[in-house]
Amino acid sequence: MDKLLTAEEVAELLGMKTDWVWAQARKGLIPHVRLGRYRRFRESAIEAWLSELETGGNGFGTARAVRPVPLRRRGSLRGRRRADNRGLEPTMSSRAGPQLLSLGPTKPS
């Protein structure tokens, strides 16, 4: 039986960051096995995937096109982007300080 690798071990093997490995696995671009809530990577499957990439394939034959996968953005905009998209402007309370309390309609200047 092949050894099952963690994302950290695959990242080290590929010389990439662990976040990149997770993103590629979520998109199904790296062969992996789901074990409950865990994802593990079979060593022989990773080696076969790499050798196919080296020969000019995309890792999945010709049936699937590979697109770059952006990493997830950490943090929250706390409603600021949504307010801008709806034409609303954040309103503040003097007691609250710099915290966002509510969104009111934009006043014409």
N, C-alpha and C. Protein backbone atom coordinates (compact mmCIF):
# COMPACT_ATOMS: atom_id res chain seq x y z
N MET A 1 0.85 -1.19 0.00
CA MET A 1 0.00 0.00 0.00
C MET A 1 0.89 1.24 0.00
N ASP A 2 0.48 2.24 -0.79
CA ASP A 2 1.24 3.49 -0.89
C ASP A 2 1.09 4.29 0.39
N LYS A 3 2.08 5.12 0.62
CA LYS A 3 2.03 6.03 1.76
C LYS A 3 1.09 7.19 1.43
N LEU A 4 0.26 7.56 2.40
CA LEU A 4 -0.62 8.71 2.24
C LEU A 4 0.07 9.94 2.82
N LEU A 5 0.17 10.98 2.02
CA LEU A 5 0.87 12.20 2.42
C LEU A 5 -0.12 13.27 2.87
N THR A 6 0.32 14.12 3.76
CA THR A 6 -0.47 15.29 4.17
C THR A 6 -0.21 16.42 3.18
N ALA A 7 -1.01 17.46 3.26
CA ALA A 7 -0.82 18.62 2.38
C ALA A 7 0.53 19.28 2.62
N GLU A 8 0.97 19.27 3.87
CA GLU A 8 2.28 19.85 4.18
C GLU A 8 3.40 19.07 3.50
N GLU A 9 3.29 17.74 3.50
CA GLU A 9 4.31 16.91 2.85
C GLU A 9 4.29 17.09 1.34
N VAL A 10 3.10 17.21 0.75
CA VAL A 10 2.99 17.43 -0.68
C VAL A 10 3.56 18.80 -1.05
N ALA A 11 3.27 19.81 -0.24
CA ALA A 11 3.79 21.15 -0.48
C ALA A 11 5.31 21.14 -0.46
N GLU A 12 5.88 20.44 0.50
CA GLU A 12 7.34 20.35 0.58
C GLU A 12 7.90 19.61 -0.62
N LEU A 13 7.24 18.53 -1.03
CA LEU A 13 7.68 17.75 -2.18
C LEU A 13 7.66 18.57 -3.46
N LEU A 14 6.62 19.41 -3.61
CA LEU A 14 6.46 20.21 -4.83
C LEU A 14 7.18 21.56 -4.76
N GLY A 15 7.60 21.94 -3.56
CA GLY A 15 8.24 23.25 -3.39
C GLY A 15 7.23 24.38 -3.46
N MET A 16 6.01 24.11 -3.03
CA MET A 16 4.94 25.11 -3.05
C MET A 16 4.47 25.37 -1.62
N LYS A 17 3.58 26.35 -1.47
CA LYS A 17 3.01 26.63 -0.15
C LYS A 17 1.84 25.68 0.11
N THR A 18 1.58 25.42 1.38
CA THR A 18 0.50 24.52 1.77
C THR A 18 -0.85 25.06 1.30
N ASP A 19 -1.05 26.37 1.36
CA ASP A 19 -2.32 26.96 0.91
C ASP A 19 -2.59 26.66 -0.56
N TRP A 20 -1.53 26.66 -1.37
CA TRP A 20 -1.68 26.35 -2.79
C TRP A 20 -2.14 24.91 -2.97
N VAL A 21 -1.55 23.98 -2.20
CA VAL A 21 -1.93 22.57 -2.30
C VAL A 21 -3.40 22.40 -1.92
N TRP A 22 -3.84 23.05 -0.83
CA TRP A 22 -5.24 22.95 -0.42
C TRP A 22 -6.17 23.51 -1.49
N ALA A 23 -5.83 24.64 -2.08
CA ALA A 23 -6.67 25.25 -3.10
C ALA A 23 -6.79 24.34 -4.32
N GLN A 24 -5.68 23.76 -4.74
CA GLN A 24 -5.70 22.86 -5.89
C GLN A 24 -6.51 21.60 -5.59
N ALA A 25 -6.41 21.10 -4.37
CA ALA A 25 -7.17 19.91 -3.99
C ALA A 25 -8.67 20.22 -3.95
N ARG A 26 -9.05 21.40 -3.43
CA ARG A 26 -10.46 21.77 -3.39
C ARG A 26 -11.06 21.83 -4.78
N LYS A 27 -10.28 22.29 -5.75
CA LYS A 27 -10.74 22.37 -7.13
C LYS A 27 -10.64 21.04 -7.86
N GLY A 28 -10.03 20.04 -7.23
CA GLY A 28 -9.89 18.73 -7.86
C GLY A 28 -8.76 18.66 -8.87
N LEU A 29 -7.80 19.57 -8.77
CA LEU A 29 -6.70 19.60 -9.73
C LEU A 29 -5.51 18.73 -9.31
N ILE A 30 -5.44 18.35 -8.05
CA ILE A 30 -4.42 17.43 -7.55
C ILE A 30 -5.15 16.18 -7.09
N PRO A 31 -4.70 14.99 -7.51
CA PRO A 31 -5.37 13.77 -7.05
C PRO A 31 -5.24 13.60 -5.55
N HIS A 32 -6.37 13.34 -4.89
CA HIS A 32 -6.36 13.18 -3.45
C HIS A 32 -7.47 12.22 -3.02
N VAL A 33 -7.42 11.80 -1.78
CA VAL A 33 -8.40 10.89 -1.20
C VAL A 33 -9.03 11.60 -0.02
N ARG A 34 -10.36 11.56 0.06
CA ARG A 34 -11.06 12.15 1.21
C ARG A 34 -11.29 11.06 2.24
N LEU A 35 -10.85 11.32 3.44
CA LEU A 35 -11.06 10.41 4.56
C LEU A 35 -11.83 11.19 5.62
N GLY A 36 -13.15 11.17 5.52
CA GLY A 36 -13.96 11.99 6.41
C GLY A 36 -13.73 13.46 6.09
N ARG A 37 -13.30 14.22 7.08
CA ARG A 37 -13.02 15.64 6.83
C ARG A 37 -11.59 15.90 6.40
N TYR A 38 -10.79 14.84 6.30
CA TYR A 38 -9.38 14.98 5.93
C TYR A 38 -9.17 14.68 4.45
N ARG A 39 -8.15 15.29 3.88
CA ARG A 39 -7.71 14.98 2.52
C ARG A 39 -6.28 14.47 2.61
N ARG A 40 -6.04 13.36 1.98
CA ARG A 40 -4.69 12.80 1.93
C ARG A 40 -4.33 12.56 0.48
N PHE A 41 -3.05 12.52 0.22
CA PHE A 41 -2.54 12.43 -1.13
C PHE A 41 -1.70 11.16 -1.25
N ARG A 42 -2.10 10.26 -2.17
CA ARG A 42 -1.37 9.02 -2.37
C ARG A 42 -0.07 9.35 -3.10
N GLU A 43 1.04 8.86 -2.55
CA GLU A 43 2.36 9.18 -3.09
C GLU A 43 2.48 8.78 -4.56
N SER A 44 2.00 7.60 -4.91
CA SER A 44 2.12 7.14 -6.31
C SER A 44 1.24 7.98 -7.24
N ALA A 45 0.08 8.44 -6.76
CA ALA A 45 -0.79 9.28 -7.59
C ALA A 45 -0.16 10.64 -7.85
N ILE A 46 0.51 11.19 -6.84
CA ILE A 46 1.20 12.48 -7.01
C ILE A 46 2.35 12.32 -8.02
N GLU A 47 3.10 11.23 -7.90
CA GLU A 47 4.21 10.99 -8.84
C GLU A 47 3.70 10.81 -10.27
N ALA A 48 2.59 10.08 -10.44
CA ALA A 48 2.01 9.89 -11.77
C ALA A 48 1.48 11.21 -12.33
N TRP A 49 0.85 12.01 -11.47
CA TRP A 49 0.34 13.32 -11.86
C TRP A 49 1.48 14.23 -12.32
N LEU A 50 2.59 14.21 -11.58
CA LEU A 50 3.75 15.02 -11.95
C LEU A 50 4.35 14.56 -13.27
N SER A 51 4.47 13.25 -13.47
CA SER A 51 5.07 12.76 -14.72
C SER A 51 4.18 13.09 -15.91
N GLU A 52 2.85 13.09 -15.73
CA GLU A 52 1.96 13.49 -16.81
C GLU A 52 2.11 14.98 -17.11
N LEU A 53 2.28 15.80 -16.08
CA LEU A 53 2.50 17.23 -16.29
C LEU A 53 3.81 17.47 -17.03
N GLU A 54 4.84 16.67 -16.72
CA GLU A 54 6.14 16.83 -17.37
C GLU A 54 6.08 16.50 -18.86
N THR A 55 5.20 15.60 -19.25
CA THR A 55 5.11 15.22 -20.66
C THR A 55 4.21 16.15 -21.45
N GLY A 56 3.73 17.21 -20.84
CA GLY A 56 2.93 18.20 -21.55
C GLY A 56 1.44 18.06 -21.33
N GLY A 57 1.01 17.11 -20.55
CA GLY A 57 -0.42 16.97 -20.24
C GLY A 57 -0.82 17.96 -19.16
N ASN A 58 -2.13 18.03 -18.91
CA ASN A 58 -2.60 18.92 -17.86
C ASN A 58 -2.89 18.16 -16.57
N GLY A 59 -2.52 16.89 -16.51
CA GLY A 59 -2.71 16.11 -15.31
C GLY A 59 -4.00 15.32 -15.31
N PHE A 60 -4.89 15.59 -16.30
CA PHE A 60 -6.19 14.91 -16.36
C PHE A 60 -6.52 14.48 -17.77
N GLY A 61 -5.54 14.28 -18.61
CA GLY A 61 -5.82 13.95 -20.00
C GLY A 61 -6.20 15.23 -20.74
N THR A 62 -6.89 15.08 -21.86
CA THR A 62 -7.26 16.27 -22.65
C THR A 62 -8.68 16.72 -22.40
N ALA A 63 -9.43 16.02 -21.55
CA ALA A 63 -10.84 16.34 -21.36
C ALA A 63 -11.07 17.55 -20.46
N ARG A 64 -10.09 17.96 -19.69
CA ARG A 64 -10.33 19.01 -18.71
C ARG A 64 -9.29 20.12 -18.84
N ALA A 65 -9.74 21.34 -18.97
CA ALA A 65 -8.83 22.48 -19.04
C ALA A 65 -8.51 22.94 -17.62
N VAL A 66 -7.27 23.33 -17.41
CA VAL A 66 -6.83 23.77 -16.09
C VAL A 66 -6.79 25.29 -16.05
N ARG A 67 -7.44 25.86 -15.04
CA ARG A 67 -7.40 27.29 -14.82
C ARG A 67 -6.68 27.57 -13.52
N PRO A 68 -5.99 28.70 -13.40
CA PRO A 68 -5.36 29.02 -12.12
C PRO A 68 -6.42 29.20 -11.04
N VAL A 69 -6.11 28.77 -9.83
CA VAL A 69 -7.05 28.84 -8.72
C VAL A 69 -6.58 29.92 -7.75
N PRO A 70 -7.37 30.99 -7.57
CA PRO A 70 -6.97 32.02 -6.60
C PRO A 70 -7.16 31.51 -5.18
N LEU A 71 -6.30 31.95 -4.31
CA LEU A 71 -6.45 31.60 -2.90
C LEU A 71 -7.58 32.40 -2.30
N ARG A 72 -8.19 31.88 -1.27
CA ARG A 72 -9.28 32.59 -0.61
C ARG A 72 -8.75 33.82 0.11
N ARG A 73 -9.51 34.88 0.08
CA ARG A 73 -9.13 36.11 0.77
C ARG A 73 -9.48 35.96 2.24
N ARG A 74 -8.53 36.23 3.09
CA ARG A 74 -8.76 36.17 4.53
C ARG A 74 -9.30 37.50 5.02
N GLY A 75 -10.09 37.46 6.08
CA GLY A 75 -10.60 38.69 6.67
C GLY A 75 -11.95 39.05 6.09
N SER A 76 -12.50 40.09 6.59
CA SER A 76 -13.83 40.51 6.18
C SER A 76 -13.82 42.00 5.88
N LEU A 77 -14.66 42.39 4.94
CA LEU A 77 -14.80 43.81 4.64
C LEU A 77 -15.87 44.45 5.51
N ARG A 78 -16.51 43.68 6.35
CA ARG A 78 -17.52 44.13 7.29
C ARG A 78 -18.60 45.00 6.65
N GLY A 79 -19.09 44.55 5.51
CA GLY A 79 -20.20 45.24 4.87
C GLY A 79 -19.81 46.42 4.01
N ARG A 80 -18.56 46.83 4.01
CA ARG A 80 -18.17 48.02 3.26
C ARG A 80 -18.37 47.83 1.76
N ARG A 81 -17.97 46.68 1.23
CA ARG A 81 -18.11 46.46 -0.21
C ARG A 81 -19.59 46.39 -0.58
N ARG A 82 -20.39 45.71 0.24
CA ARG A 82 -21.82 45.61 -0.05
C ARG A 82 -22.47 46.98 -0.03
N ALA A 83 -22.07 47.83 0.90
CA ALA A 83 -22.63 49.17 0.97
C ALA A 83 -22.31 49.96 -0.29
N ASP A 84 -21.10 49.85 -0.78
CA ASP A 84 -20.70 50.56 -1.99
C ASP A 84 -21.49 50.08 -3.20
N ASN A 85 -21.76 48.78 -3.27
CA ASN A 85 -22.46 48.23 -4.42
C ASN A 85 -23.93 48.59 -4.45
N ARG A 86 -24.54 48.91 -3.32
CA ARG A 86 -25.96 49.25 -3.28
C ARG A 86 -26.19 50.76 -3.27
N GLY A 87 -25.15 51.54 -3.39
CA GLY A 87 -25.31 52.98 -3.36
C GLY A 87 -25.58 53.51 -1.97
N LEU A 88 -25.21 52.75 -0.94
CA LEU A 88 -25.43 53.17 0.43
C LEU A 88 -24.12 53.64 1.03
N GLU A 89 -24.23 54.46 2.02
CA GLU A 89 -23.04 55.01 2.66
C GLU A 89 -23.07 54.64 4.14
N PRO A 90 -21.95 54.22 4.71
CA PRO A 90 -21.94 53.90 6.14
C PRO A 90 -22.24 55.13 6.98
N THR A 91 -23.08 54.96 7.99
CA THR A 91 -23.36 56.07 8.91
C THR A 91 -22.76 55.73 10.27
N MET A 92 -22.31 56.74 10.98
CA MET A 92 -21.62 56.54 12.24
C MET A 92 -22.42 57.17 13.38
N SER A 93 -22.20 56.68 14.58
CA SER A 93 -22.78 57.27 15.77
C SER A 93 -21.65 57.90 16.57
N SER A 94 -21.91 59.03 17.20
CA SER A 94 -20.85 59.70 17.96
C SER A 94 -20.45 58.87 19.18
N ARG A 95 -21.37 58.08 19.74
CA ARG A 95 -21.04 57.24 20.90
C ARG A 95 -20.21 56.02 20.51
N ALA A 96 -20.41 55.53 19.32
CA ALA A 96 -19.78 54.27 18.91
C ALA A 96 -18.34 54.45 18.45
N GLY A 97 -17.93 55.65 18.15
CA GLY A 97 -16.58 55.84 17.65
C GLY A 97 -16.49 55.38 16.20
N PRO A 98 -15.40 54.72 15.81
CA PRO A 98 -15.21 54.38 14.41
C PRO A 98 -15.93 53.11 13.96
N GLN A 99 -16.78 52.51 14.78
CA GLN A 99 -17.45 51.27 14.39
C GLN A 99 -18.61 51.56 13.45
N LEU A 100 -18.83 50.66 12.52
CA LEU A 100 -19.92 50.78 11.57
C LEU A 100 -21.21 50.33 12.24
N LEU A 101 -22.21 51.22 12.33
CA LEU A 101 -23.46 50.86 13.00
C LEU A 101 -24.55 50.50 12.03
N SER A 102 -24.79 51.32 11.02
CA SER A 102 -25.87 51.03 10.09
C SER A 102 -25.52 51.60 8.73
N LEU A 103 -26.29 51.15 7.76
CA LEU A 103 -26.12 51.66 6.40
C LEU A 103 -27.35 52.45 6.02
N GLY A 104 -27.15 53.69 5.69
CA GLY A 104 -28.27 54.55 5.28
C GLY A 104 -28.10 54.95 3.84
N PRO A 105 -29.16 55.48 3.25
CA PRO A 105 -29.07 55.90 1.84
C PRO A 105 -28.07 57.04 1.68
N THR A 106 -27.43 57.08 0.55
CA THR A 106 -26.46 58.12 0.25
C THR A 106 -27.21 59.45 0.06
N LYS A 107 -26.73 60.50 0.69
CA LYS A 107 -27.35 61.81 0.57
C LYS A 107 -26.75 62.53 -0.63
N PRO A 108 -27.59 63.10 -1.49
CA PRO A 108 -27.03 63.85 -2.63
C PRO A 108 -26.31 65.09 -2.16
N SER A 109 -25.19 65.40 -2.78
CA SER A 109 -24.39 66.57 -2.39
C SER A 109 -24.83 67.81 -3.10
